[in-house]
Amino acid sequence: MYVQMIPEAEGEKYKWDIYDVTKAWCHSDYPLIEVGRVVLNKNPTNYFAEVDQVAFNPANLVPGIEPSNDRLLQGRLFLYQDTQLHRLGPNHDQIPINCPFKANNFIQDGLMNVNRNQEK
């Protein structure tokens, strides 16, 4: 897996708007940086539980990482949460495929509660 990064100060002076999704940054200006490997080595056992119920959300960030000023991303930070509430229910983060690993998110009770208030 590769990423392409540009320092914020240079992004403001780049030859075009770096947030324009119709343009790509030149690899000669900002080369791809290898950050790891994504390995897909098995098929899901239960397609519904492991694929249909997955809820990716760009607003779920680890401390120290913050979203960019990209207008598309800024919109998605709000819209993905609403979509998941509608599609999977208010406690979609308690579904095993979406459950944060050993994290207390203070979400308890409510509709479709499935994990007895995060008992260990």
PDB file of N, CA and C in Angstrom:
ATOM      1  N   MET A   1       0.845  -1.156   0.000  1.00  0.00           N
ATOM      2  CA  MET A   1       0.000   0.000   0.000  1.00  0.00           C
ATOM      3  C   MET A   1       0.899   1.230   0.000  1.00  0.00           C
ATOM      4  N   TYR A   2       0.545   2.182  -0.787  1.00  0.00           N
ATOM      5  CA  TYR A   2       1.341   3.399  -0.933  1.00  0.00           C
ATOM      6  C   TYR A   2       0.487   4.622  -0.620  1.00  0.00           C
ATOM      7  N   VAL A   3       1.134   5.670  -0.141  1.00  0.00           N
ATOM      8  CA  VAL A   3       0.477   6.955   0.072  1.00  0.00           C
ATOM      9  C   VAL A   3       1.285   8.029  -0.646  1.00  0.00           C
ATOM     10  N   GLN A   4       0.623   9.114  -0.911  1.00  0.00           N
ATOM     11  CA  GLN A   4       1.289  10.266  -1.505  1.00  0.00           C
ATOM     12  C   GLN A   4       0.977  11.448  -0.609  1.00  0.00           C
ATOM     13  N   MET A   5       2.015  12.090  -0.067  1.00  0.00           N
ATOM     14  CA  MET A   5       1.807  13.172   0.895  1.00  0.00           C
ATOM     15  C   MET A   5       2.451  14.452   0.388  1.00  0.00           C
ATOM     16  N   ILE A   6       1.827  15.564   0.792  1.00  0.00           N
ATOM     17  CA  ILE A   6       2.348  16.880   0.445  1.00  0.00           C
ATOM     18  C   ILE A   6       2.289  17.740   1.708  1.00  0.00           C
ATOM     19  N   PRO A   7       3.363  18.441   2.057  1.00  0.00           N
ATOM     20  CA  PRO A   7       3.315  19.337   3.218  1.00  0.00           C
ATOM     21  C   PRO A   7       2.247  20.418   3.013  1.00  0.00           C
ATOM     22  N   GLU A   8       1.572  20.765   4.087  1.00  0.00           N
ATOM     23  CA  GLU A   8       0.456  21.702   3.994  1.00  0.00           C
ATOM     24  C   GLU A   8       0.869  23.035   3.354  1.00  0.00           C
ATOM     25  N   ALA A   9       2.022  23.558   3.734  1.00  0.00           N
ATOM     26  CA  ALA A   9       2.474  24.844   3.173  1.00  0.00           C
ATOM     27  C   ALA A   9       2.707  24.749   1.666  1.00  0.00           C
ATOM     28  N   GLU A  10       3.264  23.617   1.207  1.00  0.00           N
ATOM     29  CA  GLU A  10       3.489  23.436  -0.229  1.00  0.00           C
ATOM     30  C   GLU A  10       2.179  23.213  -0.971  1.00  0.00           C
ATOM     31  N   GLY A  11       1.218  22.600  -0.305  1.00  0.00           N
ATOM     32  CA  GLY A  11      -0.077  22.354  -0.924  1.00  0.00           C
ATOM     33  C   GLY A  11      -0.802  23.638  -1.266  1.00  0.00           C
ATOM     34  N   GLU A  12      -0.623  24.653  -0.442  1.00  0.00           N
ATOM     35  CA  GLU A  12      -1.266  25.946  -0.707  1.00  0.00           C
ATOM     36  C   GLU A  12      -0.672  26.627  -1.931  1.00  0.00           C
ATOM     37  N   LYS A  13       0.610  26.325  -2.256  1.00  0.00           N
ATOM     38  CA  LYS A  13       1.283  26.975  -3.384  1.00  0.00           C
ATOM     39  C   LYS A  13       1.420  26.065  -4.599  1.00  0.00           C
ATOM     40  N   TYR A  14       0.806  24.862  -4.563  1.00  0.00           N
ATOM     41  CA  TYR A  14       0.953  23.923  -5.668  1.00  0.00           C
ATOM     42  C   TYR A  14       0.321  24.494  -6.931  1.00  0.00           C
ATOM     43  N   LYS A  15       0.719  23.976  -8.102  1.00  0.00           N
ATOM     44  CA  LYS A  15       0.301  24.554  -9.382  1.00  0.00           C
ATOM     45  C   LYS A  15      -1.201  24.483  -9.646  1.00  0.00           C
ATOM     46  N   TRP A  16      -1.929  23.635  -8.927  1.00  0.00           N
ATOM     47  CA  TRP A  16      -3.384  23.632  -8.990  1.00  0.00           C
ATOM     48  C   TRP A  16      -3.928  23.286  -7.617  1.00  0.00           C
ATOM     49  N   ASP A  17      -5.229  23.374  -7.458  1.00  0.00           N
ATOM     50  CA  ASP A  17      -5.877  23.083  -6.185  1.00  0.00           C
ATOM     51  C   ASP A  17      -5.681  21.609  -5.850  1.00  0.00           C
ATOM     52  N   ILE A  18      -4.979  21.313  -4.766  1.00  0.00           N
ATOM     53  CA  ILE A  18      -4.679  19.920  -4.423  1.00  0.00           C
ATOM     54  C   ILE A  18      -5.925  19.153  -4.009  1.00  0.00           C
ATOM     55  N   TYR A  19      -7.019  19.833  -3.738  1.00  0.00           N
ATOM     56  CA  TYR A  19      -8.256  19.162  -3.357  1.00  0.00           C
ATOM     57  C   TYR A  19      -9.185  18.936  -4.559  1.00  0.00           C
ATOM     58  N   ASP A  20      -8.753  19.293  -5.743  1.00  0.00           N
ATOM     59  CA  ASP A  20      -9.529  19.058  -6.961  1.00  0.00           C
ATOM     60  C   ASP A  20      -9.433  17.572  -7.308  1.00  0.00           C
ATOM     61  N   VAL A  21     -10.556  16.854  -7.208  1.00  0.00           N
ATOM     62  CA  VAL A  21     -10.536  15.400  -7.403  1.00  0.00           C
ATOM     63  C   VAL A  21     -10.344  15.007  -8.861  1.00  0.00           C
ATOM     64  N   THR A  22     -10.391  15.971  -9.770  1.00  0.00           N
ATOM     65  CA  THR A  22     -10.171  15.655 -11.188  1.00  0.00           C
ATOM     66  C   THR A  22      -8.700  15.721 -11.564  1.00  0.00           C
ATOM     67  N   LYS A  23      -7.851  16.088 -10.625  1.00  0.00           N
ATOM     68  CA  LYS A  23      -6.417  16.203 -10.895  1.00  0.00           C
ATOM     69  C   LYS A  23      -5.648  15.209 -10.019  1.00  0.00           C
ATOM     70  N   ALA A  24      -4.479  14.800 -10.485  1.00  0.00           N
ATOM     71  CA  ALA A  24      -3.593  13.927  -9.712  1.00  0.00           C
ATOM     72  C   ALA A  24      -2.274  14.650  -9.481  1.00  0.00           C
ATOM     73  N   TRP A  25      -1.691  14.461  -8.315  1.00  0.00           N
ATOM     74  CA  TRP A  25      -0.393  15.055  -8.027  1.00  0.00           C
ATOM     75  C   TRP A  25       0.657  14.310  -8.834  1.00  0.00           C
ATOM     76  N   CYS A  26       1.598  15.037  -9.382  1.00  0.00           N
ATOM     77  CA  CYS A  26       2.659  14.425 -10.175  1.00  0.00           C
ATOM     78  C   CYS A  26       3.554  13.561  -9.277  1.00  0.00           C
ATOM     79  N   HIS A  27       3.852  12.358  -9.725  1.00  0.00           N
ATOM     80  CA  HIS A  27       4.722  11.467  -8.952  1.00  0.00           C
ATOM     81  C   HIS A  27       6.148  11.996  -8.902  1.00  0.00           C
ATOM     82  N   SER A  28       6.527  12.788  -9.901  1.00  0.00           N
ATOM     83  CA  SER A  28       7.877  13.364  -9.868  1.00  0.00           C
ATOM     84  C   SER A  28       7.983  14.440  -8.781  1.00  0.00           C
ATOM     85  N   ASP A  29       6.866  15.138  -8.509  1.00  0.00           N
ATOM     86  CA  ASP A  29       6.864  16.157  -7.451  1.00  0.00           C
ATOM     87  C   ASP A  29       6.736  15.513  -6.062  1.00  0.00           C
ATOM     88  N   TYR A  30       5.835  14.546  -5.940  1.00  0.00           N
ATOM     89  CA  TYR A  30       5.573  13.880  -4.667  1.00  0.00           C
ATOM     90  C   TYR A  30       5.472  12.380  -4.918  1.00  0.00           C
ATOM     91  N   PRO A  31       6.587  11.670  -4.777  1.00  0.00           N
ATOM     92  CA  PRO A  31       6.593  10.232  -5.084  1.00  0.00           C
ATOM     93  C   PRO A  31       5.736   9.430  -4.092  1.00  0.00           C
ATOM     94  N   LEU A  32       5.319   8.260  -4.548  1.00  0.00           N
ATOM     95  CA  LEU A  32       4.570   7.352  -3.687  1.00  0.00           C
ATOM     96  C   LEU A  32       5.479   6.804  -2.592  1.00  0.00           C
ATOM     97  N   ILE A  33       4.937   6.688  -1.384  1.00  0.00           N
ATOM     98  CA  ILE A  33       5.683   6.187  -0.237  1.00  0.00           C
ATOM     99  C   ILE A  33       5.021   4.886   0.213  1.00  0.00           C
ATOM    100  N   GLU A  34       5.796   3.810   0.252  1.00  0.00           N
ATOM    101  CA  GLU A  34       5.253   2.530   0.689  1.00  0.00           C
ATOM    102  C   GLU A  34       5.059   2.555   2.205  1.00  0.00           C
ATOM    103  N   VAL A  35       3.845   2.238   2.654  1.00  0.00           N
ATOM    104  CA  VAL A  35       3.557   2.245   4.088  1.00  0.00           C
ATOM    105  C   VAL A  35       3.200   0.861   4.621  1.00  0.00           C
ATOM    106  N   GLY A  36       3.025  -0.100   3.761  1.00  0.00           N
ATOM    107  CA  GLY A  36       2.687  -1.439   4.242  1.00  0.00           C
ATOM    108  C   GLY A  36       2.151  -2.306   3.129  1.00  0.00           C
ATOM    109  N   ARG A  37       1.550  -3.409   3.551  1.00  0.00           N
ATOM    110  CA  ARG A  37       1.024  -4.373   2.597  1.00  0.00           C
ATOM    111  C   ARG A  37      -0.372  -4.780   3.044  1.00  0.00           C
ATOM    112  N   VAL A  38      -1.295  -4.810   2.125  1.00  0.00           N
ATOM    113  CA  VAL A  38      -2.642  -5.299   2.388  1.00  0.00           C
ATOM    114  C   VAL A  38      -2.709  -6.715   1.848  1.00  0.00           C
ATOM    115  N   VAL A  39      -3.011  -7.664   2.721  1.00  0.00           N
ATOM    116  CA  VAL A  39      -3.053  -9.069   2.320  1.00  0.00           C
ATOM    117  C   VAL A  39      -4.502  -9.562   2.404  1.00  0.00           C
ATOM    118  N   LEU A  40      -5.019  -9.999   1.291  1.00  0.00           N
ATOM    119  CA  LEU A  40      -6.345 -10.609   1.247  1.00  0.00           C
ATOM    120  C   LEU A  40      -6.115 -12.097   1.042  1.00  0.00           C
ATOM    121  N   ASN A  41      -6.240 -12.861   2.117  1.00  0.00           N
ATOM    122  CA  ASN A  41      -5.857 -14.265   2.021  1.00  0.00           C
ATOM    123  C   ASN A  41      -6.973 -15.252   2.344  1.00  0.00           C
ATOM    124  N   LYS A  42      -8.201 -14.762   2.518  1.00  0.00           N
ATOM    125  CA  LYS A  42      -9.302 -15.696   2.708  1.00  0.00           C
ATOM    126  C   LYS A  42     -10.624 -15.029   2.357  1.00  0.00           C
ATOM    127  N   ASN A  43     -11.584 -15.842   2.029  1.00  0.00           N
ATOM    128  CA  ASN A  43     -12.923 -15.355   1.745  1.00  0.00           C
ATOM    129  C   ASN A  43     -13.703 -15.278   3.050  1.00  0.00           C
ATOM    130  N   PRO A  44     -14.695 -14.390   3.113  1.00  0.00           N
ATOM    131  CA  PRO A  44     -15.489 -14.321   4.339  1.00  0.00           C
ATOM    132  C   PRO A  44     -16.244 -15.620   4.587  1.00  0.00           C
ATOM    133  N   THR A  45     -16.346 -15.993   5.850  1.00  0.00           N
ATOM    134  CA  THR A  45     -17.095 -17.189   6.228  1.00  0.00           C
ATOM    135  C   THR A  45     -18.594 -16.907   6.166  1.00  0.00           C
ATOM    136  N   ASN A  46     -18.991 -15.746   6.690  1.00  0.00           N
ATOM    137  CA  ASN A  46     -20.386 -15.334   6.689  1.00  0.00           C
ATOM    138  C   ASN A  46     -20.458 -13.983   5.988  1.00  0.00           C
ATOM    139  N   TYR A  47     -20.874 -13.977   4.731  1.00  0.00           N
ATOM    140  CA  TYR A  47     -20.847 -12.757   3.918  1.00  0.00           C
ATOM    141  C   TYR A  47     -21.658 -11.641   4.561  1.00  0.00           C
ATOM    142  N   PHE A  48     -22.846 -11.947   5.056  1.00  0.00           N
ATOM    143  CA  PHE A  48     -23.692 -10.912   5.651  1.00  0.00           C
ATOM    144  C   PHE A  48     -23.031 -10.271   6.868  1.00  0.00           C
ATOM    145  N   ALA A  49     -22.507 -11.098   7.772  1.00  0.00           N
ATOM    146  CA  ALA A  49     -21.919 -10.585   9.006  1.00  0.00           C
ATOM    147  C   ALA A  49     -20.585  -9.890   8.781  1.00  0.00           C
ATOM    148  N   GLU A  50     -19.803 -10.343   7.794  1.00  0.00           N
ATOM    149  CA  GLU A  50     -18.445  -9.831   7.622  1.00  0.00           C
ATOM    150  C   GLU A  50     -18.292  -8.838   6.478  1.00  0.00           C
ATOM    151  N   VAL A  51     -19.287  -8.723   5.607  1.00  0.00           N
ATOM    152  CA  VAL A  51     -19.177  -7.809   4.469  1.00  0.00           C
ATOM    153  C   VAL A  51     -20.350  -6.836   4.421  1.00  0.00           C
ATOM    154  N   ASP A  52     -21.567  -7.340   4.425  1.00  0.00           N
ATOM    155  CA  ASP A  52     -22.738  -6.479   4.303  1.00  0.00           C
ATOM    156  C   ASP A  52     -22.918  -5.535   5.486  1.00  0.00           C
ATOM    157  N   GLN A  53     -22.465  -5.914   6.661  1.00  0.00           N
ATOM    158  CA  GLN A  53     -22.665  -5.079   7.844  1.00  0.00           C
ATOM    159  C   GLN A  53     -21.466  -4.205   8.199  1.00  0.00           C
ATOM    160  N   VAL A  54     -20.434  -4.226   7.384  1.00  0.00           N
ATOM    161  CA  VAL A  54     -19.265  -3.410   7.700  1.00  0.00           C
ATOM    162  C   VAL A  54     -19.621  -1.929   7.528  1.00  0.00           C
ATOM    163  N   ALA A  55     -19.097  -1.088   8.410  1.00  0.00           N
ATOM    164  CA  ALA A  55     -19.425   0.331   8.402  1.00  0.00           C
ATOM    165  C   ALA A  55     -18.130   1.148   8.486  1.00  0.00           C
ATOM    166  N   PHE A  56     -17.552   1.472   7.339  1.00  0.00           N
ATOM    167  CA  PHE A  56     -16.362   2.328   7.316  1.00  0.00           C
ATOM    168  C   PHE A  56     -16.792   3.764   7.546  1.00  0.00           C
ATOM    169  N   ASN A  57     -16.031   4.486   8.329  1.00  0.00           N
ATOM    170  CA  ASN A  57     -16.364   5.877   8.613  1.00  0.00           C
ATOM    171  C   ASN A  57     -15.075   6.687   8.680  1.00  0.00           C
ATOM    172  N   PRO A  58     -14.906   7.677   7.794  1.00  0.00           N
ATOM    173  CA  PRO A  58     -13.680   8.474   7.827  1.00  0.00           C
ATOM    174  C   PRO A  58     -13.557   9.345   9.069  1.00  0.00           C
ATOM    175  N   ALA A  59     -14.615   9.464   9.870  1.00  0.00           N
ATOM    176  CA  ALA A  59     -14.544  10.247  11.102  1.00  0.00           C
ATOM    177  C   ALA A  59     -13.913   9.455  12.240  1.00  0.00           C
ATOM    178  N   ASN A  60     -13.756   8.132  12.090  1.00  0.00           N
ATOM    179  CA  ASN A  60     -13.113   7.324  13.118  1.00  0.00           C
ATOM    180  C   ASN A  60     -11.605   7.406  12.922  1.00  0.00           C
ATOM    181  N   LEU A  61     -10.973   8.298  13.657  1.00  0.00           N
ATOM    182  CA  LEU A  61      -9.543   8.540  13.523  1.00  0.00           C
ATOM    183  C   LEU A  61      -8.841   8.297  14.850  1.00  0.00           C
ATOM    184  N   VAL A  62      -7.616   7.830  14.780  1.00  0.00           N
ATOM    185  CA  VAL A  62      -6.828   7.658  15.992  1.00  0.00           C
ATOM    186  C   VAL A  62      -6.313   9.020  16.447  1.00  0.00           C
ATOM    187  N   PRO A  63      -6.052   9.192  17.747  1.00  0.00           N
ATOM    188  CA  PRO A  63      -5.525  10.469  18.227  1.00  0.00           C
ATOM    189  C   PRO A  63      -4.235  10.846  17.500  1.00  0.00           C
ATOM    190  N   GLY A  64      -4.137  12.128  17.124  1.00  0.00           N
ATOM    191  CA  GLY A  64      -2.955  12.610  16.412  1.00  0.00           C
ATOM    192  C   GLY A  64      -3.157  12.707  14.919  1.00  0.00           C
ATOM    193  N   ILE A  65      -4.213  12.104  14.391  1.00  0.00           N
ATOM    194  CA  ILE A  65      -4.527  12.180  12.963  1.00  0.00           C
ATOM    195  C   ILE A  65      -5.779  13.035  12.831  1.00  0.00           C
ATOM    196  N   GLU A  66      -5.765  13.954  11.905  1.00  0.00           N
ATOM    197  CA  GLU A  66      -6.959  14.764  11.682  1.00  0.00           C
ATOM    198  C   GLU A  66      -7.256  14.835  10.189  1.00  0.00           C
ATOM    199  N   PRO A  67      -8.518  15.038   9.845  1.00  0.00           N
ATOM    200  CA  PRO A  67      -8.885  15.070   8.432  1.00  0.00           C
ATOM    201  C   PRO A  67      -8.362  16.330   7.742  1.00  0.00           C
ATOM    202  N   SER A  68      -8.190  16.233   6.429  1.00  0.00           N
ATOM    203  CA  SER A  68      -7.722  17.377   5.651  1.00  0.00           C
ATOM    204  C   SER A  68      -8.887  18.324   5.369  1.00  0.00           C
ATOM    205  N   ASN A  69      -8.609  19.397   4.690  1.00  0.00           N
ATOM    206  CA  ASN A  69      -9.629  20.383   4.327  1.00  0.00           C
ATOM    207  C   ASN A  69     -10.375  20.019   3.050  1.00  0.00           C
ATOM    208  N   ASP A  70     -10.175  18.833   2.550  1.00  0.00           N
ATOM    209  CA  ASP A  70     -10.845  18.384   1.336  1.00  0.00           C
ATOM    210  C   ASP A  70     -12.359  18.459   1.535  1.00  0.00           C
ATOM    211  N   ARG A  71     -13.050  19.161   0.637  1.00  0.00           N
ATOM    212  CA  ARG A  71     -14.491  19.356   0.784  1.00  0.00           C
ATOM    213  C   ARG A  71     -15.251  18.033   0.720  1.00  0.00           C
ATOM    214  N   LEU A  72     -14.822  17.108  -0.139  1.00  0.00           N
ATOM    215  CA  LEU A  72     -15.499  15.813  -0.203  1.00  0.00           C
ATOM    216  C   LEU A  72     -15.359  15.056   1.112  1.00  0.00           C
ATOM    217  N   LEU A  73     -14.166  15.057   1.669  1.00  0.00           N
ATOM    218  CA  LEU A  73     -13.939  14.377   2.944  1.00  0.00           C
ATOM    219  C   LEU A  73     -14.738  15.043   4.051  1.00  0.00           C
ATOM    220  N   GLN A  74     -14.772  16.356   4.099  1.00  0.00           N
ATOM    221  CA  GLN A  74     -15.514  17.071   5.133  1.00  0.00           C
ATOM    222  C   GLN A  74     -16.994  16.697   5.100  1.00  0.00           C
ATOM    223  N   GLY A  75     -17.552  16.562   3.917  1.00  0.00           N
ATOM    224  CA  GLY A  75     -18.947  16.130   3.803  1.00  0.00           C
ATOM    225  C   GLY A  75     -19.143  14.706   4.261  1.00  0.00           C
ATOM    226  N   ARG A  76     -18.202  13.842   3.920  1.00  0.00           N
ATOM    227  CA  ARG A  76     -18.309  12.433   4.288  1.00  0.00           C
ATOM    228  C   ARG A  76     -18.187  12.218   5.793  1.00  0.00           C
ATOM    229  N   LEU A  77     -17.489  13.102   6.491  1.00  0.00           N
ATOM    230  CA  LEU A  77     -17.345  12.965   7.938  1.00  0.00           C
ATOM    231  C   LEU A  77     -18.710  12.948   8.617  1.00  0.00           C
ATOM    232  N   PHE A  78     -19.678  13.668   8.055  1.00  0.00           N
ATOM    233  CA  PHE A  78     -21.025  13.704   8.620  1.00  0.00           C
ATOM    234  C   PHE A  78     -21.953  12.670   7.973  1.00  0.00           C
ATOM    235  N   LEU A  79     -21.862  12.540   6.666  1.00  0.00           N
ATOM    236  CA  LEU A  79     -22.812  11.701   5.944  1.00  0.00           C
ATOM    237  C   LEU A  79     -22.654  10.218   6.220  1.00  0.00           C
ATOM    238  N   TYR A  80     -21.442   9.720   6.389  1.00  0.00           N
ATOM    239  CA  TYR A  80     -21.250   8.289   6.624  1.00  0.00           C
ATOM    240  C   TYR A  80     -21.931   7.855   7.921  1.00  0.00           C
ATOM    241  N   GLN A  81     -21.828   8.665   8.954  1.00  0.00           N
ATOM    242  CA  GLN A  81     -22.476   8.331  10.227  1.00  0.00           C
ATOM    243  C   GLN A  81     -23.985   8.228  10.039  1.00  0.00           C
ATOM    244  N   ASP A  82     -24.592   9.181   9.357  1.00  0.00           N
ATOM    245  CA  ASP A  82     -26.037   9.139   9.129  1.00  0.00           C
ATOM    246  C   ASP A  82     -26.440   7.925   8.311  1.00  0.00           C
ATOM    247  N   THR A  83     -25.664   7.600   7.294  1.00  0.00           N
ATOM    248  CA  THR A  83     -25.962   6.440   6.460  1.00  0.00           C
ATOM    249  C   THR A  83     -25.910   5.159   7.287  1.00  0.00           C
ATOM    250  N   GLN A  84     -24.914   5.034   8.144  1.00  0.00           N
ATOM    251  CA  GLN A  84     -24.786   3.827   8.952  1.00  0.00           C
ATOM    252  C   GLN A  84     -25.897   3.724   9.992  1.00  0.00           C
ATOM    253  N   LEU A  85     -26.316   4.841  10.548  1.00  0.00           N
ATOM    254  CA  LEU A  85     -27.438   4.821  11.482  1.00  0.00           C
ATOM    255  C   LEU A  85     -28.700   4.324  10.787  1.00  0.00           C
ATOM    256  N   HIS A  86     -28.898   4.777   9.556  1.00  0.00           N
ATOM    257  CA  HIS A  86     -30.084   4.351   8.795  1.00  0.00           C
ATOM    258  C   HIS A  86     -29.970   2.898   8.351  1.00  0.00           C
ATOM    259  N   ARG A  87     -28.817   2.499   7.863  1.00  0.00           N
ATOM    260  CA  ARG A  87     -28.643   1.167   7.272  1.00  0.00           C
ATOM    261  C   ARG A  87     -28.501   0.070   8.315  1.00  0.00           C
ATOM    262  N   LEU A  88     -27.772   0.333   9.416  1.00  0.00           N
ATOM    263  CA  LEU A  88     -27.444  -0.715  10.372  1.00  0.00           C
ATOM    264  C   LEU A  88     -28.038  -0.517  11.763  1.00  0.00           C
ATOM    265  N   GLY A  89     -28.570   0.655  12.042  1.00  0.00           N
ATOM    266  CA  GLY A  89     -29.152   0.914  13.354  1.00  0.00           C
ATOM    267  C   GLY A  89     -28.231   1.721  14.241  1.00  0.00           C
ATOM    268  N   PRO A  90     -28.762   2.211  15.349  1.00  0.00           N
ATOM    269  CA  PRO A  90     -28.006   3.133  16.196  1.00  0.00           C
ATOM    270  C   PRO A  90     -26.794   2.516  16.894  1.00  0.00           C
ATOM    271  N   ASN A  91     -26.796   1.216  17.102  1.00  0.00           N
ATOM    272  CA  ASN A  91     -25.661   0.582  17.765  1.00  0.00           C
ATOM    273  C   ASN A  91     -24.841  -0.248  16.776  1.00  0.00           C
ATOM    274  N   HIS A  92     -24.624   0.285  15.590  1.00  0.00           N
ATOM    275  CA  HIS A  92     -23.884  -0.456  14.564  1.00  0.00           C
ATOM    276  C   HIS A  92     -22.438  -0.723  14.966  1.00  0.00           C
ATOM    277  N   ASP A  93     -21.908   0.064  15.890  1.00  0.00           N
ATOM    278  CA  ASP A  93     -20.535  -0.171  16.332  1.00  0.00           C
ATOM    279  C   ASP A  93     -20.427  -1.339  17.303  1.00  0.00           C
ATOM    280  N   GLN A  94     -21.551  -1.947  17.678  1.00  0.00           N
ATOM    281  CA  GLN A  94     -21.522  -3.139  18.523  1.00  0.00           C
ATOM    282  C   GLN A  94     -21.558  -4.417  17.696  1.00  0.00           C
ATOM    283  N   ILE A  95     -21.817  -4.308  16.410  1.00  0.00           N
ATOM    284  CA  ILE A  95     -21.751  -5.469  15.531  1.00  0.00           C
ATOM    285  C   ILE A  95     -20.275  -5.880  15.484  1.00  0.00           C
ATOM    286  N   PRO A  96     -19.957  -7.157  15.654  1.00  0.00           N
ATOM    287  CA  PRO A  96     -18.546  -7.567  15.787  1.00  0.00           C
ATOM    288  C   PRO A  96     -17.606  -7.030  14.705  1.00  0.00           C
ATOM    289  N   ILE A  97     -18.028  -6.927  13.461  1.00  0.00           N
ATOM    290  CA  ILE A  97     -17.130  -6.446  12.396  1.00  0.00           C
ATOM    291  C   ILE A  97     -16.791  -4.963  12.569  1.00  0.00           C
ATOM    292  N   ASN A  98     -17.622  -4.211  13.290  1.00  0.00           N
ATOM    293  CA  ASN A  98     -17.422  -2.769  13.474  1.00  0.00           C
ATOM    294  C   ASN A  98     -16.959  -2.396  14.868  1.00  0.00           C
ATOM    295  N   CYS A  99     -16.873  -3.357  15.760  1.00  0.00           N
ATOM    296  CA  CYS A  99     -16.583  -3.080  17.158  1.00  0.00           C
ATOM    297  C   CYS A  99     -15.129  -2.634  17.342  1.00  0.00           C
ATOM    298  N   PRO A 100     -14.912  -1.489  17.993  1.00  0.00           N
ATOM    299  CA  PRO A 100     -13.533  -1.074  18.257  1.00  0.00           C
ATOM    300  C   PRO A 100     -12.879  -2.031  19.237  1.00  0.00           C
ATOM    301  N   PHE A 101     -11.635  -2.363  18.996  1.00  0.00           N
ATOM    302  CA  PHE A 101     -10.918  -3.334  19.818  1.00  0.00           C
ATOM    303  C   PHE A 101     -10.578  -2.751  21.179  1.00  0.00           C
ATOM    304  N   LYS A 102     -11.143  -3.321  22.219  1.00  0.00           N
ATOM    305  CA  LYS A 102     -10.867  -2.921  23.600  1.00  0.00           C
ATOM    306  C   LYS A 102     -10.973  -1.420  23.822  1.00  0.00           C
ATOM    307  N   ALA A 103     -12.038  -0.815  23.334  1.00  0.00           N
ATOM    308  CA  ALA A 103     -12.232   0.622  23.522  1.00  0.00           C
ATOM    309  C   ALA A 103     -13.588   0.849  24.152  1.00  0.00           C
ATOM    310  N   ASN A 104     -13.649   1.741  25.110  1.00  0.00           N
ATOM    311  CA  ASN A 104     -14.917   2.097  25.716  1.00  0.00           C
ATOM    312  C   ASN A 104     -15.393   3.375  25.049  1.00  0.00           C
ATOM    313  N   ASN A 105     -16.482   3.277  24.299  1.00  0.00           N
ATOM    314  CA  ASN A 105     -16.967   4.447  23.572  1.00  0.00           C
ATOM    315  C   ASN A 105     -18.165   5.085  24.263  1.00  0.00           C
ATOM    316  N   PHE A 106     -18.543   4.590  25.436  1.00  0.00           N
ATOM    317  CA  PHE A 106     -19.616   5.157  26.248  1.00  0.00           C
ATOM    318  C   PHE A 106     -20.986   5.097  25.593  1.00  0.00           C
ATOM    319  N   ILE A 107     -21.145   4.277  24.562  1.00  0.00           N
ATOM    320  CA  ILE A 107     -22.453   4.084  23.946  1.00  0.00           C
ATOM    321  C   ILE A 107     -23.110   2.907  24.645  1.00  0.00           C
ATOM    322  N   GLN A 108     -24.253   3.146  25.269  1.00  0.00           N
ATOM    323  CA  GLN A 108     -24.922   2.092  26.010  1.00  0.00           C
ATOM    324  C   GLN A 108     -26.421   2.137  25.726  1.00  0.00           C
ATOM    325  N   ASP A 109     -27.059   1.003  25.970  1.00  0.00           N
ATOM    326  CA  ASP A 109     -28.498   0.859  25.828  1.00  0.00           C
ATOM    327  C   ASP A 109     -28.955   1.273  24.432  1.00  0.00           C
ATOM    328  N   GLY A 110     -30.118   1.841  24.310  1.00  0.00           N
ATOM    329  CA  GLY A 110     -30.627   2.267  23.018  1.00  0.00           C
ATOM    330  C   GLY A 110     -31.168   1.112  22.192  1.00  0.00           C
ATOM    331  N   LEU A 111     -31.699   1.443  21.042  1.00  0.00           N
ATOM    332  CA  LEU A 111     -32.255   0.457  20.135  1.00  0.00           C
ATOM    333  C   LEU A 111     -31.190  -0.506  19.641  1.00  0.00           C
ATOM    334  N   MET A 112     -31.550  -1.743  19.499  1.00  0.00           N
ATOM    335  CA  MET A 112     -30.698  -2.779  18.917  1.00  0.00           C
ATOM    336  C   MET A 112     -29.406  -2.997  19.691  1.00  0.00           C
ATOM    337  N   ASN A 113     -29.414  -2.767  21.006  1.00  0.00           N
ATOM    338  CA  ASN A 113     -28.224  -3.031  21.820  1.00  0.00           C
ATOM    339  C   ASN A 113     -27.958  -4.531  21.832  1.00  0.00           C
ATOM    340  N   VAL A 114     -26.746  -4.948  21.510  1.00  0.00           N
ATOM    341  CA  VAL A 114     -26.457  -6.375  21.390  1.00  0.00           C
ATOM    342  C   VAL A 114     -25.361  -6.865  22.319  1.00  0.00           C
ATOM    343  N   ASN A 115     -24.761  -6.005  23.124  1.00  0.00           N
ATOM    344  CA  ASN A 115     -23.604  -6.496  23.894  1.00  0.00           C
ATOM    345  C   ASN A 115     -23.661  -6.246  25.395  1.00  0.00           C
ATOM    346  N   ARG A 116     -24.814  -6.162  25.987  1.00  0.00           N
ATOM    347  CA  ARG A 116     -24.973  -6.021  27.434  1.00  0.00           C
ATOM    348  C   ARG A 116     -24.116  -4.880  27.999  1.00  0.00           C
ATOM    349  N   ASN A 117     -24.183  -3.730  27.376  1.00  0.00           N
ATOM    350  CA  ASN A 117     -23.503  -2.530  27.851  1.00  0.00           C
ATOM    351  C   ASN A 117     -22.004  -2.680  28.031  1.00  0.00           C
ATOM    352  N   GLN A 118     -21.367  -3.325  27.101  1.00  0.00           N
ATOM    353  CA  GLN A 118     -19.913  -3.459  27.028  1.00  0.00           C
ATOM    354  C   GLN A 118     -19.314  -4.181  28.218  1.00  0.00           C
ATOM    355  N   GLU A 119     -20.037  -5.157  28.771  1.00  0.00           N
ATOM    356  CA  GLU A 119     -19.470  -5.971  29.834  1.00  0.00           C
ATOM    357  C   GLU A 119     -18.269  -6.724  29.315  1.00  0.00           C
ATOM    358  N   LYS A 120     -17.274  -6.919  30.123  1.00  0.00           N
ATOM    359  CA  LYS A 120     -16.068  -7.637  29.700  1.00  0.00           C
ATOM    360  C   LYS A 120     -16.225  -9.107  29.931  1.00  0.00           C
TER     361      LYS A 120
END
